[in-house]
Structures are given as C-alpha cells and as structure tokens.
Amino acid sequence: MPKVESWSREDPGVLVLPSGRLVRGRGLRHPLPGGSLPTYALYLLGREPSPQAWPSTWLRWPDFRLPADRDEAAAALRDTLARLTEDRVEVACSGGRGRTGTALACLVALDTGTTEGAVDWVRAHYDPRAVETPAQRRYVARFLDDAGAGLS
C-alpha cells in the first residue's frame, strides 16, 4: 500500500509534533477545512459522531470533562500516534479546543516521553486556549504515569 501524503504544515489546525509528525486538530461544529481529507480520525465526543467517508474511532468524552474510559483513551491515543506515519490523522471534538487540545497534548507526551511542556507546546503551536479546564491539565500531567491510563 502506498504511503499517504501527509498534511501540509500550513493547513489550518495542523500541529507539528516535536518529532516532526503532523496531526490536524479541528472543531466539528466548524466547516471542514479545504484541502486534503483525513484518512483516519479520532473523535472525542459525548455522543457517537455522524459517519464520515474515512475510518475513525469514537471516544466517549463529554464536553469540558475527561474520557469516560481512560484505558480506552490511552490505547486510542497510542494507536493515533502510530498512525501518523501512514495516515493523515484528524483529532476532533465539537469546538476543537478543550478535548482536542487535551488529546493533542497527550500525543505530544507520547511523542516525547514526557508530559513536561506538553500543554505549552499545544498552546504555542495549535491554539492558545487549548486544554480548557484544570482537570484536563491534570489529566495531561499524569497521562504517562497514570496506572488507569493503561500505559504501564
């Protein structure tokens, strides 16, 4: 199977991880950006999303909260990071800031092996208001060490 062309670094919502891999964050209540379509998506919503033309995974993650199942979230985020080498991956919630920013910060942590600076990276390179709540910031800070995250 031929490798899929990655996102452009200039595409709206594209975050360049410290390793150089690209992922797009987006708010589903906003129009789909122009350009390439995702080849895989991780949707972070309280309710199952509408079907899309590309494969996706849905994590039950209510607005302003944390994932309903942290082990499932950790596995989905590890899988999402692995897919960045072969797919154009989109991570999205309704608004594209809180849950999406939290998931992107967790991807930064997985990418670097540390949670230190992960929220700051996402705020500097994706959206200054990403990761909206104190609980979401704590989730990122404990993501790699949290036994409930299924990472041990």
N, C-alpha and C. Protein backbone atom coordinates (compact mmCIF):
# COMPACT_ATOMS: atom_id res chain seq x y z
N MET A 1 0.85 -1.18 0.00
CA MET A 1 0.00 0.00 0.00
C MET A 1 0.89 1.24 0.00
N PRO A 2 0.66 2.18 -0.95
CA PRO A 2 1.49 3.38 -0.98
C PRO A 2 1.23 4.27 0.22
N LYS A 3 2.27 4.98 0.61
CA LYS A 3 2.16 5.90 1.75
C LYS A 3 1.29 7.09 1.37
N VAL A 4 0.42 7.49 2.29
CA VAL A 4 -0.46 8.63 2.08
C VAL A 4 0.35 9.92 2.27
N GLU A 5 0.12 10.90 1.41
CA GLU A 5 0.78 12.19 1.58
C GLU A 5 0.27 12.84 2.86
N SER A 6 1.17 13.37 3.64
CA SER A 6 0.83 13.97 4.93
C SER A 6 0.12 15.31 4.74
N TRP A 7 -0.35 15.87 5.85
CA TRP A 7 -0.89 17.22 5.84
C TRP A 7 0.21 18.19 5.45
N SER A 8 -0.16 19.34 4.99
CA SER A 8 0.78 20.44 4.81
C SER A 8 0.91 21.15 6.15
N ARG A 9 2.10 21.57 6.49
CA ARG A 9 2.32 22.29 7.75
C ARG A 9 1.50 23.57 7.82
N GLU A 10 1.13 24.10 6.67
CA GLU A 10 0.37 25.35 6.62
C GLU A 10 -1.15 25.14 6.67
N ASP A 11 -1.61 23.90 6.58
CA ASP A 11 -3.05 23.64 6.61
C ASP A 11 -3.63 24.07 7.95
N PRO A 12 -4.86 24.59 7.95
CA PRO A 12 -5.50 25.01 9.20
C PRO A 12 -5.58 23.87 10.21
N GLY A 13 -5.19 24.17 11.46
CA GLY A 13 -5.30 23.20 12.53
C GLY A 13 -4.20 22.18 12.63
N VAL A 14 -3.25 22.21 11.71
CA VAL A 14 -2.19 21.20 11.73
C VAL A 14 -1.17 21.53 12.82
N LEU A 15 -0.91 20.53 13.65
CA LEU A 15 0.09 20.63 14.71
C LEU A 15 1.29 19.79 14.31
N VAL A 16 2.45 20.38 14.37
CA VAL A 16 3.70 19.65 14.14
C VAL A 16 4.19 19.19 15.50
N LEU A 17 4.22 17.88 15.72
CA LEU A 17 4.72 17.34 16.97
C LEU A 17 6.23 17.55 17.06
N PRO A 18 6.80 17.46 18.25
CA PRO A 18 8.25 17.64 18.37
C PRO A 18 9.07 16.73 17.45
N SER A 19 8.56 15.53 17.14
CA SER A 19 9.27 14.61 16.25
C SER A 19 9.15 15.00 14.78
N GLY A 20 8.27 15.97 14.49
CA GLY A 20 8.05 16.39 13.11
C GLY A 20 6.82 15.77 12.47
N ARG A 21 6.21 14.79 13.14
CA ARG A 21 4.97 14.20 12.61
C ARG A 21 3.84 15.21 12.68
N LEU A 22 2.89 15.10 11.75
CA LEU A 22 1.80 16.07 11.65
C LEU A 22 0.46 15.44 12.00
N VAL A 23 -0.36 16.20 12.72
CA VAL A 23 -1.72 15.79 13.08
C VAL A 23 -2.59 17.04 12.98
N ARG A 24 -3.83 16.85 12.56
CA ARG A 24 -4.72 18.01 12.47
C ARG A 24 -5.75 17.96 13.59
N GLY A 25 -5.88 19.07 14.30
CA GLY A 25 -6.94 19.25 15.27
C GLY A 25 -8.04 20.08 14.65
N ARG A 26 -9.29 19.81 15.08
CA ARG A 26 -10.40 20.53 14.46
C ARG A 26 -11.62 20.51 15.35
N GLY A 27 -12.44 21.50 15.20
CA GLY A 27 -13.75 21.54 15.82
C GLY A 27 -14.79 21.11 14.81
N LEU A 28 -15.57 20.09 15.15
CA LEU A 28 -16.54 19.55 14.21
C LEU A 28 -17.71 20.49 13.92
N ARG A 29 -17.93 21.46 14.79
CA ARG A 29 -19.02 22.40 14.51
C ARG A 29 -18.62 23.46 13.49
N HIS A 30 -17.36 23.46 13.09
CA HIS A 30 -16.87 24.36 12.06
C HIS A 30 -16.83 23.62 10.73
N PRO A 31 -16.89 24.35 9.63
CA PRO A 31 -16.84 23.67 8.32
C PRO A 31 -15.54 22.89 8.14
N LEU A 32 -15.63 21.83 7.40
CA LEU A 32 -14.45 21.04 7.07
C LEU A 32 -13.47 21.92 6.30
N PRO A 33 -12.21 22.00 6.76
CA PRO A 33 -11.24 22.83 6.03
C PRO A 33 -11.03 22.31 4.61
N GLY A 34 -10.64 23.20 3.73
CA GLY A 34 -10.33 22.79 2.37
C GLY A 34 -9.07 21.95 2.33
N GLY A 35 -8.76 21.46 1.18
CA GLY A 35 -7.56 20.66 1.01
C GLY A 35 -7.81 19.18 1.22
N SER A 36 -6.77 18.48 1.60
CA SER A 36 -6.84 17.03 1.76
C SER A 36 -7.81 16.63 2.87
N LEU A 37 -8.43 15.49 2.67
CA LEU A 37 -9.30 14.91 3.69
C LEU A 37 -8.48 13.99 4.58
N PRO A 38 -8.94 13.77 5.82
CA PRO A 38 -8.25 12.80 6.66
C PRO A 38 -8.37 11.40 6.06
N THR A 39 -7.42 10.55 6.41
CA THR A 39 -7.55 9.13 6.08
C THR A 39 -7.88 8.33 7.33
N TYR A 40 -7.87 9.01 8.48
CA TYR A 40 -8.27 8.43 9.76
C TYR A 40 -8.57 9.57 10.72
N ALA A 41 -9.53 9.35 11.63
CA ALA A 41 -9.86 10.38 12.61
C ALA A 41 -10.13 9.77 13.98
N LEU A 42 -9.83 10.53 15.01
CA LEU A 42 -10.18 10.21 16.38
C LEU A 42 -11.14 11.28 16.84
N TYR A 43 -12.38 10.88 17.14
CA TYR A 43 -13.42 11.82 17.54
C TYR A 43 -13.69 11.70 19.03
N LEU A 44 -13.68 12.84 19.70
CA LEU A 44 -13.79 12.94 21.15
C LEU A 44 -15.09 13.66 21.48
N LEU A 45 -16.15 12.88 21.64
CA LEU A 45 -17.48 13.46 21.80
C LEU A 45 -18.29 12.69 22.83
N GLY A 46 -19.27 13.37 23.41
CA GLY A 46 -20.18 12.71 24.34
C GLY A 46 -21.13 11.74 23.67
N ARG A 47 -21.41 11.98 22.40
CA ARG A 47 -22.29 11.13 21.60
C ARG A 47 -21.56 10.67 20.35
N GLU A 48 -21.96 9.52 19.85
CA GLU A 48 -21.34 8.98 18.65
C GLU A 48 -21.47 9.97 17.48
N PRO A 49 -20.38 10.23 16.77
CA PRO A 49 -20.43 11.19 15.66
C PRO A 49 -21.14 10.62 14.44
N SER A 50 -21.49 11.50 13.54
CA SER A 50 -22.05 11.09 12.25
C SER A 50 -20.98 10.34 11.47
N PRO A 51 -21.40 9.39 10.65
CA PRO A 51 -20.42 8.66 9.83
C PRO A 51 -19.69 9.60 8.87
N GLN A 52 -18.45 9.27 8.62
CA GLN A 52 -17.60 10.04 7.71
C GLN A 52 -17.14 9.13 6.57
N ALA A 53 -16.52 9.71 5.59
CA ALA A 53 -16.03 8.95 4.44
C ALA A 53 -14.69 8.27 4.72
N TRP A 54 -14.15 8.44 5.92
CA TRP A 54 -12.86 7.87 6.28
C TRP A 54 -13.03 7.08 7.58
N PRO A 55 -12.15 6.13 7.83
CA PRO A 55 -12.23 5.36 9.09
C PRO A 55 -12.01 6.26 10.29
N SER A 56 -12.65 5.92 11.38
CA SER A 56 -12.49 6.72 12.59
C SER A 56 -12.73 5.88 13.83
N THR A 57 -12.29 6.43 14.94
CA THR A 57 -12.55 5.86 16.27
C THR A 57 -13.26 6.93 17.07
N TRP A 58 -14.28 6.52 17.81
CA TRP A 58 -15.01 7.43 18.67
C TRP A 58 -14.67 7.10 20.12
N LEU A 59 -14.22 8.11 20.86
CA LEU A 59 -14.03 8.01 22.30
C LEU A 59 -15.14 8.80 22.98
N ARG A 60 -15.85 8.17 23.89
CA ARG A 60 -16.87 8.90 24.63
C ARG A 60 -16.16 9.82 25.61
N TRP A 61 -16.30 11.12 25.34
CA TRP A 61 -15.57 12.13 26.09
C TRP A 61 -16.46 13.37 26.15
N PRO A 62 -17.25 13.51 27.22
CA PRO A 62 -18.18 14.65 27.32
C PRO A 62 -17.44 15.99 27.36
N ASP A 63 -18.11 17.01 26.86
CA ASP A 63 -17.56 18.36 26.79
C ASP A 63 -17.11 18.84 28.17
N PHE A 64 -15.94 19.47 28.23
CA PHE A 64 -15.31 20.02 29.44
C PHE A 64 -14.94 18.95 30.47
N ARG A 65 -14.95 17.69 30.09
CA ARG A 65 -14.66 16.61 31.03
C ARG A 65 -13.45 15.82 30.55
N LEU A 66 -13.34 14.60 31.07
CA LEU A 66 -12.27 13.68 30.71
C LEU A 66 -12.87 12.47 30.02
N PRO A 67 -12.03 11.66 29.37
CA PRO A 67 -12.57 10.47 28.69
C PRO A 67 -13.33 9.58 29.66
N ALA A 68 -14.41 9.00 29.19
CA ALA A 68 -15.22 8.10 30.02
C ALA A 68 -14.42 6.86 30.42
N ASP A 69 -13.56 6.39 29.55
CA ASP A 69 -12.75 5.19 29.82
C ASP A 69 -11.29 5.55 29.52
N ARG A 70 -10.52 5.75 30.58
CA ARG A 70 -9.13 6.21 30.40
C ARG A 70 -8.23 5.17 29.75
N ASP A 71 -8.48 3.89 30.03
CA ASP A 71 -7.69 2.85 29.36
C ASP A 71 -7.95 2.86 27.86
N GLU A 72 -9.22 2.97 27.48
CA GLU A 72 -9.58 3.04 26.07
C GLU A 72 -8.97 4.28 25.42
N ALA A 73 -8.99 5.40 26.13
CA ALA A 73 -8.40 6.64 25.62
C ALA A 73 -6.91 6.49 25.40
N ALA A 74 -6.21 5.91 26.37
CA ALA A 74 -4.76 5.72 26.23
C ALA A 74 -4.43 4.84 25.04
N ALA A 75 -5.19 3.76 24.87
CA ALA A 75 -4.96 2.86 23.72
C ALA A 75 -5.25 3.58 22.41
N ALA A 76 -6.33 4.35 22.37
CA ALA A 76 -6.67 5.08 21.14
C ALA A 76 -5.62 6.14 20.81
N LEU A 77 -5.09 6.80 21.82
CA LEU A 77 -4.06 7.82 21.58
C LEU A 77 -2.75 7.19 21.12
N ARG A 78 -2.38 6.04 21.70
CA ARG A 78 -1.18 5.33 21.23
C ARG A 78 -1.36 4.91 19.77
N ASP A 79 -2.54 4.38 19.45
CA ASP A 79 -2.84 3.97 18.08
C ASP A 79 -2.80 5.18 17.14
N THR A 80 -3.37 6.29 17.58
CA THR A 80 -3.38 7.50 16.77
C THR A 80 -1.96 7.97 16.48
N LEU A 81 -1.10 7.99 17.50
CA LEU A 81 0.29 8.39 17.28
C LEU A 81 0.96 7.47 16.26
N ALA A 82 0.74 6.16 16.37
CA ALA A 82 1.34 5.21 15.43
C ALA A 82 0.85 5.46 14.00
N ARG A 83 -0.40 5.86 13.85
CA ARG A 83 -0.97 6.09 12.52
C ARG A 83 -0.40 7.32 11.83
N LEU A 84 0.23 8.22 12.58
CA LEU A 84 0.73 9.46 11.97
C LEU A 84 1.80 9.21 10.92
N THR A 85 2.43 8.05 10.92
CA THR A 85 3.46 7.76 9.92
C THR A 85 2.85 7.28 8.60
N GLU A 86 1.59 6.83 8.64
CA GLU A 86 0.95 6.26 7.44
C GLU A 86 -0.31 7.00 7.01
N ASP A 87 -0.93 7.75 7.89
CA ASP A 87 -2.23 8.37 7.62
C ASP A 87 -2.20 9.88 7.83
N ARG A 88 -3.18 10.56 7.23
CA ARG A 88 -3.50 11.95 7.56
C ARG A 88 -4.53 11.88 8.68
N VAL A 89 -4.10 12.11 9.89
CA VAL A 89 -4.93 11.91 11.06
C VAL A 89 -5.52 13.24 11.54
N GLU A 90 -6.82 13.18 11.82
CA GLU A 90 -7.54 14.32 12.40
C GLU A 90 -8.00 13.91 13.80
N VAL A 91 -7.80 14.81 14.76
CA VAL A 91 -8.32 14.65 16.12
C VAL A 91 -9.32 15.77 16.31
N ALA A 92 -10.55 15.43 16.70
CA ALA A 92 -11.58 16.47 16.73
C ALA A 92 -12.60 16.25 17.83
N CYS A 93 -13.07 17.37 18.37
CA CYS A 93 -14.23 17.40 19.27
C CYS A 93 -15.17 18.46 18.70
N SER A 94 -16.13 18.87 19.43
CA SER A 94 -17.09 19.84 18.91
C SER A 94 -16.45 21.20 18.62
N GLY A 95 -15.75 21.76 19.59
CA GLY A 95 -15.16 23.09 19.41
C GLY A 95 -13.71 23.08 18.96
N GLY A 96 -13.00 21.98 19.17
CA GLY A 96 -11.61 21.87 18.73
C GLY A 96 -10.58 22.43 19.69
N ARG A 97 -10.97 22.71 20.95
CA ARG A 97 -10.01 23.29 21.90
C ARG A 97 -9.77 22.42 23.12
N GLY A 98 -10.80 22.19 23.91
CA GLY A 98 -10.62 21.51 25.19
C GLY A 98 -10.22 20.05 25.06
N ARG A 99 -11.15 19.24 24.56
CA ARG A 99 -10.87 17.81 24.41
C ARG A 99 -9.81 17.57 23.35
N THR A 100 -9.93 18.28 22.22
CA THR A 100 -8.93 18.12 21.17
C THR A 100 -7.56 18.55 21.66
N GLY A 101 -7.48 19.70 22.32
CA GLY A 101 -6.20 20.16 22.86
C GLY A 101 -5.62 19.21 23.88
N THR A 102 -6.48 18.63 24.71
CA THR A 102 -6.02 17.66 25.71
C THR A 102 -5.45 16.43 25.02
N ALA A 103 -6.16 15.92 24.02
CA ALA A 103 -5.68 14.74 23.29
C ALA A 103 -4.37 15.07 22.55
N LEU A 104 -4.30 16.25 21.95
CA LEU A 104 -3.06 16.63 21.26
C LEU A 104 -1.90 16.74 22.25
N ALA A 105 -2.15 17.27 23.45
CA ALA A 105 -1.09 17.35 24.46
C ALA A 105 -0.65 15.95 24.88
N CYS A 106 -1.59 15.02 24.97
CA CYS A 106 -1.22 13.63 25.28
C CYS A 106 -0.39 13.03 24.15
N LEU A 107 -0.70 13.38 22.90
CA LEU A 107 0.12 12.91 21.78
C LEU A 107 1.53 13.49 21.86
N VAL A 108 1.64 14.76 22.26
CA VAL A 108 2.96 15.37 22.46
C VAL A 108 3.72 14.59 23.54
N ALA A 109 3.04 14.25 24.64
CA ALA A 109 3.68 13.49 25.72
C ALA A 109 4.14 12.12 25.23
N LEU A 110 3.31 11.43 24.47
CA LEU A 110 3.70 10.14 23.92
C LEU A 110 4.87 10.30 22.94
N ASP A 111 4.85 11.37 22.17
CA ASP A 111 5.87 11.64 21.16
C ASP A 111 7.23 11.92 21.81
N THR A 112 7.22 12.59 22.96
CA THR A 112 8.48 13.00 23.60
C THR A 112 8.86 12.12 24.78
N GLY A 113 7.90 11.36 25.32
CA GLY A 113 8.17 10.55 26.51
C GLY A 113 8.07 11.31 27.81
N THR A 114 7.58 12.55 27.75
CA THR A 114 7.39 13.34 28.97
C THR A 114 6.15 14.22 28.82
N THR A 115 5.49 14.45 29.93
CA THR A 115 4.34 15.36 29.91
C THR A 115 4.78 16.81 30.11
N GLU A 116 6.00 17.00 30.56
CA GLU A 116 6.51 18.35 30.83
C GLU A 116 6.49 19.18 29.54
N GLY A 117 5.79 20.29 29.60
CA GLY A 117 5.72 21.19 28.46
C GLY A 117 4.72 20.80 27.39
N ALA A 118 4.00 19.69 27.56
CA ALA A 118 3.09 19.23 26.51
C ALA A 118 1.94 20.22 26.28
N VAL A 119 1.33 20.71 27.36
CA VAL A 119 0.23 21.67 27.21
C VAL A 119 0.77 22.96 26.60
N ASP A 120 1.92 23.43 27.06
CA ASP A 120 2.51 24.64 26.50
C ASP A 120 2.80 24.49 25.00
N TRP A 121 3.27 23.31 24.59
CA TRP A 121 3.57 23.06 23.18
C TRP A 121 2.29 23.21 22.34
N VAL A 122 1.22 22.58 22.82
CA VAL A 122 -0.04 22.64 22.08
C VAL A 122 -0.58 24.07 22.04
N ARG A 123 -0.47 24.78 23.15
CA ARG A 123 -0.95 26.17 23.17
C ARG A 123 -0.10 27.07 22.27
N ALA A 124 1.18 26.81 22.17
CA ALA A 124 2.05 27.63 21.33
C ALA A 124 1.92 27.30 19.84
N HIS A 125 1.65 26.03 19.53
CA HIS A 125 1.69 25.60 18.13
C HIS A 125 0.34 25.22 17.54
N TYR A 126 -0.71 25.17 18.38
CA TYR A 126 -2.03 24.80 17.87
C TYR A 126 -3.08 25.87 18.20
N ASP A 127 -3.33 26.11 19.49
CA ASP A 127 -4.33 27.09 19.90
C ASP A 127 -3.99 27.56 21.32
N PRO A 128 -3.87 28.87 21.52
CA PRO A 128 -3.50 29.40 22.85
C PRO A 128 -4.51 29.06 23.94
N ARG A 129 -5.73 28.70 23.56
CA ARG A 129 -6.75 28.37 24.57
C ARG A 129 -7.02 26.88 24.66
N ALA A 130 -6.17 26.06 24.07
CA ALA A 130 -6.34 24.61 24.13
C ALA A 130 -6.15 24.11 25.56
N VAL A 131 -6.77 22.99 25.85
CA VAL A 131 -6.76 22.36 27.18
C VAL A 131 -7.43 23.34 28.14
N GLU A 132 -8.75 23.29 28.19
CA GLU A 132 -9.54 24.35 28.80
C GLU A 132 -9.71 24.29 30.32
N THR A 133 -9.69 23.11 30.91
CA THR A 133 -10.04 23.02 32.33
C THR A 133 -8.85 22.55 33.17
N PRO A 134 -8.87 22.86 34.47
CA PRO A 134 -7.83 22.33 35.36
C PRO A 134 -7.78 20.80 35.34
N ALA A 135 -8.93 20.15 35.25
CA ALA A 135 -8.95 18.68 35.21
C ALA A 135 -8.26 18.16 33.95
N GLN A 136 -8.47 18.83 32.83
CA GLN A 136 -7.80 18.43 31.59
C GLN A 136 -6.29 18.63 31.70
N ARG A 137 -5.85 19.72 32.33
CA ARG A 137 -4.40 19.94 32.52
C ARG A 137 -3.81 18.85 33.43
N ARG A 138 -4.53 18.50 34.50
CA ARG A 138 -4.06 17.42 35.39
C ARG A 138 -4.01 16.08 34.65
N TYR A 139 -5.00 15.83 33.82
CA TYR A 139 -5.02 14.59 33.03
C TYR A 139 -3.77 14.47 32.17
N VAL A 140 -3.41 15.56 31.50
CA VAL A 140 -2.20 15.54 30.67
C VAL A 140 -0.96 15.33 31.55
N ALA A 141 -0.90 16.06 32.67
CA ALA A 141 0.28 15.98 33.55
C ALA A 141 0.51 14.57 34.07
N ARG A 142 -0.57 13.81 34.27
CA ARG A 142 -0.46 12.44 34.81
C ARG A 142 -0.58 11.36 33.74
N PHE A 143 -0.73 11.77 32.50
CA PHE A 143 -1.06 10.82 31.44
C PHE A 143 -0.09 9.65 31.34
N LEU A 144 1.19 9.90 31.33
CA LEU A 144 2.16 8.82 31.16
C LEU A 144 2.32 7.96 32.41
N ASP A 145 2.04 8.52 33.59
CA ASP A 145 2.24 7.79 34.84
C ASP A 145 0.96 7.17 35.40
N ASP A 146 -0.18 7.62 34.92
CA ASP A 146 -1.45 7.18 35.47
C ASP A 146 -1.69 5.71 35.17
N ALA A 147 -1.72 4.90 36.21
CA ALA A 147 -1.96 3.46 36.02
C ALA A 147 -3.29 3.22 35.35
N GLY A 148 -4.27 4.12 35.61
CA GLY A 148 -5.58 3.99 34.97
C GLY A 148 -5.55 4.29 33.49
N ALA A 149 -4.46 4.87 32.99
CA ALA A 149 -4.37 5.18 31.57
C ALA A 149 -3.91 3.98 30.75
N GLY A 150 -3.60 2.88 31.41
CA GLY A 150 -3.22 1.68 30.69
C GLY A 150 -1.87 1.76 30.03
N LEU A 151 -0.99 2.59 30.56
CA LEU A 151 0.32 2.75 29.93
C LEU A 151 1.42 1.97 30.61
N SER A 152 1.11 1.27 31.68
CA SER A 152 2.17 0.54 32.37
C SER A 152 2.40 -0.82 31.78
